[in-house]
Amino acid sequence: MSRVSNSYARYFNIKYGRRGPLWEGTFKNVLVNNDEQLLHLTRYIHLNPTTAFLVERPEDWSFSSYREYLDKEDKDKIGYQRDLEMIKHLVFEESS
């Protein structure tokens, strides 16, 4: 993540003749220790666009996965997971 952030910042700064970081802080990660913390973090992430008054409802934010969590019919991803597993093996077999 750091490499991506630094590379883009370097490109952007050269292109627009500026210096310094593009974003306020560095990327942070947090170890999730329990279900309560996971629920809080998921809620926090999904509600950010509403907190910032970018949308009225979290499902209106097009860059969010929130709608996936609400769509009960789309919860069954067994076929999708099996397809990914097959593709993964094909890619790794060709690379070897």
N, C-alpha and C. Protein backbone atom coordinates (compact mmCIF):
# COMPACT_ATOMS: atom_id res chain seq x y z
N MET A 1 0.83 -1.18 0.00
CA MET A 1 0.00 0.00 0.00
C MET A 1 0.88 1.25 0.00
N SER A 2 1.94 1.18 0.75
CA SER A 2 2.84 2.32 0.84
C SER A 2 3.47 2.64 -0.51
N ARG A 3 3.88 1.59 -1.23
CA ARG A 3 4.49 1.81 -2.56
C ARG A 3 3.52 2.47 -3.53
N VAL A 4 2.28 2.01 -3.52
CA VAL A 4 1.26 2.59 -4.40
C VAL A 4 1.05 4.06 -4.05
N SER A 5 0.90 4.33 -2.77
CA SER A 5 0.67 5.70 -2.31
C SER A 5 1.84 6.61 -2.68
N ASN A 6 3.06 6.16 -2.42
CA ASN A 6 4.24 6.97 -2.72
C ASN A 6 4.44 7.19 -4.21
N SER A 7 4.21 6.15 -5.01
CA SER A 7 4.37 6.27 -6.46
C SER A 7 3.37 7.27 -7.03
N TYR A 8 2.13 7.17 -6.59
CA TYR A 8 1.11 8.09 -7.10
C TYR A 8 1.41 9.52 -6.65
N ALA A 9 1.82 9.68 -5.41
CA ALA A 9 2.15 11.02 -4.90
C ALA A 9 3.29 11.63 -5.70
N ARG A 10 4.30 10.83 -6.01
CA ARG A 10 5.44 11.31 -6.80
C ARG A 10 4.98 11.74 -8.20
N TYR A 11 4.16 10.90 -8.83
CA TYR A 11 3.63 11.22 -10.16
C TYR A 11 2.82 12.51 -10.12
N PHE A 12 1.90 12.60 -9.17
CA PHE A 12 1.01 13.76 -9.06
C PHE A 12 1.81 15.03 -8.79
N ASN A 13 2.78 14.95 -7.89
CA ASN A 13 3.60 16.13 -7.56
C ASN A 13 4.41 16.61 -8.75
N ILE A 14 4.98 15.69 -9.51
CA ILE A 14 5.75 16.08 -10.70
C ILE A 14 4.82 16.70 -11.74
N LYS A 15 3.68 16.06 -11.97
CA LYS A 15 2.74 16.54 -12.99
C LYS A 15 2.23 17.94 -12.67
N TYR A 16 1.95 18.23 -11.42
CA TYR A 16 1.36 19.51 -11.05
C TYR A 16 2.34 20.46 -10.34
N GLY A 17 3.64 20.13 -10.36
CA GLY A 17 4.65 21.01 -9.81
C GLY A 17 4.45 21.33 -8.34
N ARG A 18 4.15 20.33 -7.57
CA ARG A 18 3.96 20.55 -6.14
C ARG A 18 4.83 19.61 -5.33
N ARG A 19 4.83 19.78 -4.01
CA ARG A 19 5.65 18.94 -3.12
C ARG A 19 4.82 18.48 -1.93
N GLY A 20 5.27 17.42 -1.32
CA GLY A 20 4.64 16.95 -0.09
C GLY A 20 3.64 15.84 -0.30
N PRO A 21 3.08 15.35 0.80
CA PRO A 21 2.11 14.25 0.72
C PRO A 21 0.78 14.72 0.15
N LEU A 22 0.08 13.78 -0.48
CA LEU A 22 -1.23 14.11 -1.05
C LEU A 22 -2.34 13.92 -0.03
N TRP A 23 -2.16 12.97 0.86
CA TRP A 23 -3.18 12.68 1.85
C TRP A 23 -2.68 13.06 3.23
N GLU A 24 -3.60 13.24 4.14
CA GLU A 24 -3.26 13.73 5.47
C GLU A 24 -2.39 12.76 6.27
N GLY A 25 -2.70 11.51 6.22
CA GLY A 25 -1.96 10.56 7.05
C GLY A 25 -1.55 9.33 6.27
N THR A 26 -0.83 8.46 6.95
CA THR A 26 -0.39 7.23 6.32
C THR A 26 -1.48 6.17 6.44
N PHE A 27 -1.35 5.13 5.64
CA PHE A 27 -2.27 4.01 5.70
C PHE A 27 -2.15 3.35 7.06
N LYS A 28 -3.27 3.01 7.67
CA LYS A 28 -3.26 2.37 8.98
C LYS A 28 -4.03 1.07 8.91
N ASN A 29 -3.55 0.10 9.62
CA ASN A 29 -4.29 -1.15 9.72
C ASN A 29 -4.54 -1.45 11.19
N VAL A 30 -5.59 -2.20 11.43
CA VAL A 30 -6.00 -2.51 12.80
C VAL A 30 -6.29 -4.00 12.87
N LEU A 31 -5.78 -4.65 13.88
CA LEU A 31 -6.09 -6.06 14.10
C LEU A 31 -7.48 -6.15 14.71
N VAL A 32 -8.36 -6.88 14.07
CA VAL A 32 -9.72 -7.04 14.56
C VAL A 32 -9.72 -8.26 15.47
N ASN A 33 -10.03 -8.03 16.74
CA ASN A 33 -9.92 -9.09 17.75
C ASN A 33 -11.21 -9.84 18.02
N ASN A 34 -12.37 -9.23 17.69
CA ASN A 34 -13.62 -9.91 18.01
C ASN A 34 -14.73 -9.43 17.08
N ASP A 35 -15.86 -10.10 17.15
CA ASP A 35 -16.99 -9.77 16.28
C ASP A 35 -17.54 -8.37 16.54
N GLU A 36 -17.52 -7.95 17.80
CA GLU A 36 -18.02 -6.61 18.13
C GLU A 36 -17.18 -5.54 17.45
N GLN A 37 -15.88 -5.71 17.47
CA GLN A 37 -15.00 -4.74 16.81
C GLN A 37 -15.20 -4.77 15.29
N LEU A 38 -15.36 -5.96 14.72
CA LEU A 38 -15.62 -6.08 13.28
C LEU A 38 -16.92 -5.38 12.91
N LEU A 39 -17.95 -5.56 13.70
CA LEU A 39 -19.23 -4.90 13.44
C LEU A 39 -19.07 -3.38 13.51
N HIS A 40 -18.36 -2.89 14.51
CA HIS A 40 -18.14 -1.45 14.64
C HIS A 40 -17.38 -0.89 13.44
N LEU A 41 -16.31 -1.57 13.02
CA LEU A 41 -15.51 -1.08 11.89
C LEU A 41 -16.31 -1.11 10.59
N THR A 42 -17.10 -2.16 10.40
CA THR A 42 -17.94 -2.25 9.20
C THR A 42 -18.97 -1.12 9.19
N ARG A 43 -19.59 -0.89 10.33
CA ARG A 43 -20.56 0.20 10.44
C ARG A 43 -19.89 1.55 10.16
N TYR A 44 -18.73 1.76 10.74
CA TYR A 44 -17.99 3.01 10.56
C TYR A 44 -17.68 3.26 9.08
N ILE A 45 -17.17 2.24 8.41
CA ILE A 45 -16.80 2.37 7.00
C ILE A 45 -18.03 2.66 6.14
N HIS A 46 -19.10 1.92 6.37
CA HIS A 46 -20.29 2.09 5.53
C HIS A 46 -21.03 3.39 5.80
N LEU A 47 -20.89 3.94 6.99
CA LEU A 47 -21.59 5.18 7.31
C LEU A 47 -20.76 6.44 7.02
N ASN A 48 -19.49 6.29 6.67
CA ASN A 48 -18.65 7.46 6.37
C ASN A 48 -19.26 8.39 5.33
N PRO A 49 -19.78 7.91 4.21
CA PRO A 49 -20.37 8.84 3.22
C PRO A 49 -21.58 9.60 3.74
N THR A 50 -22.35 8.98 4.65
CA THR A 50 -23.49 9.70 5.21
C THR A 50 -23.04 10.70 6.26
N THR A 51 -22.02 10.36 7.03
CA THR A 51 -21.47 11.28 8.02
C THR A 51 -20.92 12.53 7.36
N ALA A 52 -20.31 12.36 6.19
CA ALA A 52 -19.74 13.49 5.44
C ALA A 52 -20.78 14.19 4.57
N PHE A 53 -22.06 13.79 4.70
CA PHE A 53 -23.16 14.38 3.93
C PHE A 53 -22.97 14.27 2.42
N LEU A 54 -22.32 13.18 1.99
CA LEU A 54 -22.15 12.93 0.56
C LEU A 54 -23.39 12.26 -0.01
N VAL A 55 -24.07 11.48 0.81
CA VAL A 55 -25.33 10.82 0.44
C VAL A 55 -26.23 10.79 1.66
N GLU A 56 -27.51 10.56 1.42
CA GLU A 56 -28.46 10.47 2.54
C GLU A 56 -28.42 9.10 3.21
N ARG A 57 -28.26 8.06 2.39
CA ARG A 57 -28.28 6.69 2.90
C ARG A 57 -27.03 5.96 2.44
N PRO A 58 -26.46 5.07 3.25
CA PRO A 58 -25.23 4.39 2.85
C PRO A 58 -25.36 3.59 1.56
N GLU A 59 -26.55 3.06 1.28
CA GLU A 59 -26.73 2.29 0.04
C GLU A 59 -26.70 3.17 -1.21
N ASP A 60 -26.77 4.49 -1.03
CA ASP A 60 -26.69 5.40 -2.17
C ASP A 60 -25.25 5.69 -2.62
N TRP A 61 -24.27 5.32 -1.81
CA TRP A 61 -22.87 5.56 -2.15
C TRP A 61 -22.42 4.46 -3.11
N SER A 62 -22.13 4.83 -4.35
CA SER A 62 -21.84 3.83 -5.38
C SER A 62 -20.50 3.12 -5.20
N PHE A 63 -19.62 3.65 -4.38
CA PHE A 63 -18.31 3.04 -4.18
C PHE A 63 -18.27 2.11 -2.97
N SER A 64 -19.42 1.83 -2.41
CA SER A 64 -19.50 1.03 -1.19
C SER A 64 -19.97 -0.39 -1.48
N SER A 65 -19.58 -1.31 -0.63
CA SER A 65 -20.07 -2.68 -0.72
C SER A 65 -21.33 -2.88 0.12
N TYR A 66 -21.84 -1.80 0.68
CA TYR A 66 -22.99 -1.87 1.59
C TYR A 66 -24.19 -2.59 0.96
N ARG A 67 -24.46 -2.31 -0.31
CA ARG A 67 -25.60 -2.95 -0.98
C ARG A 67 -25.43 -4.46 -1.05
N GLU A 68 -24.21 -4.93 -1.16
CA GLU A 68 -23.95 -6.38 -1.17
C GLU A 68 -24.38 -7.01 0.15
N TYR A 69 -24.15 -6.30 1.25
CA TYR A 69 -24.54 -6.82 2.55
C TYR A 69 -26.05 -6.86 2.71
N LEU A 70 -26.75 -5.95 2.06
CA LEU A 70 -28.20 -5.90 2.17
C LEU A 70 -28.91 -6.89 1.26
N ASP A 71 -28.30 -7.22 0.14
CA ASP A 71 -28.93 -8.07 -0.86
C ASP A 71 -28.90 -9.52 -0.41
N LYS A 72 -29.97 -9.97 0.18
CA LYS A 72 -30.02 -11.30 0.76
C LYS A 72 -29.96 -12.40 -0.30
N GLU A 73 -30.47 -12.15 -1.49
CA GLU A 73 -30.44 -13.15 -2.55
C GLU A 73 -29.04 -13.36 -3.10
N ASP A 74 -28.19 -12.34 -2.97
CA ASP A 74 -26.84 -12.41 -3.53
C ASP A 74 -25.83 -12.97 -2.53
N LYS A 75 -26.31 -13.46 -1.38
CA LYS A 75 -25.41 -13.95 -0.34
C LYS A 75 -24.76 -15.27 -0.73
N ASP A 76 -25.42 -16.06 -1.56
CA ASP A 76 -24.90 -17.38 -1.92
C ASP A 76 -23.84 -17.22 -2.98
N LYS A 77 -22.60 -17.25 -2.58
CA LYS A 77 -21.47 -17.05 -3.50
C LYS A 77 -20.70 -18.35 -3.72
N ILE A 78 -21.34 -19.48 -3.49
CA ILE A 78 -20.65 -20.77 -3.61
C ILE A 78 -20.12 -20.97 -5.02
N GLY A 79 -20.97 -20.78 -6.03
CA GLY A 79 -20.53 -20.94 -7.41
C GLY A 79 -19.42 -19.99 -7.78
N TYR A 80 -19.55 -18.77 -7.33
CA TYR A 80 -18.51 -17.76 -7.58
C TYR A 80 -17.19 -18.16 -6.94
N GLN A 81 -17.24 -18.62 -5.71
CA GLN A 81 -16.02 -19.05 -5.00
C GLN A 81 -15.38 -20.24 -5.71
N ARG A 82 -16.18 -21.16 -6.19
CA ARG A 82 -15.65 -22.33 -6.90
C ARG A 82 -14.99 -21.91 -8.22
N ASP A 83 -15.61 -20.97 -8.92
CA ASP A 83 -15.01 -20.45 -10.15
C ASP A 83 -13.66 -19.80 -9.87
N LEU A 84 -13.59 -19.01 -8.82
CA LEU A 84 -12.32 -18.36 -8.46
C LEU A 84 -11.24 -19.39 -8.14
N GLU A 85 -11.62 -20.43 -7.43
CA GLU A 85 -10.67 -21.49 -7.07
C GLU A 85 -10.13 -22.18 -8.32
N MET A 86 -11.02 -22.45 -9.29
CA MET A 86 -10.60 -23.09 -10.54
C MET A 86 -9.65 -22.17 -11.32
N ILE A 87 -10.00 -20.89 -11.40
CA ILE A 87 -9.16 -19.93 -12.12
C ILE A 87 -7.81 -19.80 -11.44
N LYS A 88 -7.80 -19.77 -10.12
CA LYS A 88 -6.54 -19.66 -9.39
C LYS A 88 -5.61 -20.82 -9.73
N HIS A 89 -6.15 -22.03 -9.79
CA HIS A 89 -5.32 -23.19 -10.12
C HIS A 89 -4.83 -23.13 -11.56
N LEU A 90 -5.64 -22.65 -12.47
CA LEU A 90 -5.23 -22.52 -13.86
C LEU A 90 -4.08 -21.52 -14.00
N VAL A 91 -4.21 -20.40 -13.30
CA VAL A 91 -3.18 -19.36 -13.38
C VAL A 91 -1.87 -19.86 -12.79
N PHE A 92 -1.93 -20.51 -11.64
CA PHE A 92 -0.71 -20.97 -10.98
C PHE A 92 -0.07 -22.15 -11.72
N GLU A 93 -0.88 -22.99 -12.37
CA GLU A 93 -0.32 -24.11 -13.12
C GLU A 93 0.43 -23.62 -14.33
N GLU A 94 -0.08 -22.57 -15.01
CA GLU A 94 0.59 -22.04 -16.19
C GLU A 94 1.86 -21.31 -15.82
N SER A 95 1.89 -20.70 -14.63
CA SER A 95 3.06 -19.93 -14.20
C SER A 95 4.21 -20.81 -13.79
N SER A 96 3.92 -22.03 -13.35
CA SER A 96 4.97 -22.90 -12.82
C SER A 96 5.93 -23.37 -13.88
